[in-house]
Amino acid sequence: FDIAFVDADKTRLMDYVDALASNDRLLKKGGLIIVDNVLWKGLVLDANNNGYDSSDETSPTGSNEEKALLKKNRRARKLAMKMHQFNSEVVRDERVEVVMMPIRDGLSLIRKR
């Protein structure tokens, strides 16, 4: 293929990129891998600075809605950390060149060398 768009399991993004970068039958040299959500609601920027406050992790004494929101926020921060790890790893991969575009939740354009 000439292009692959990856908007899949965020915990396994590097596995997908690795499969595409290591196999010329899946993606030809010079081919493009586009990865969605690389800025994950802007939370990746906080992950980069270790900006998460552990005081946010205390159990809420409020309503079920507040508890659900806290659980959702924990999941979002966890995924932001995974996206930060992905971004850091893919930029060091010598098989590819990476450009990150800050459009909405972020897109990475990854060209296979």
Foldseek 3Di string as FASTA:
>chain_A
DQEAEDDDDLLCVVVVVCVQQVDCVNHNAQGKYKYPLLCQQVLLVCLVVVNDDCVLVDQDPDDPVVNVVSVVVVVSNVSSNSSNVVVVVLCPDPQWHWDWDPDPSIMIIIGGD
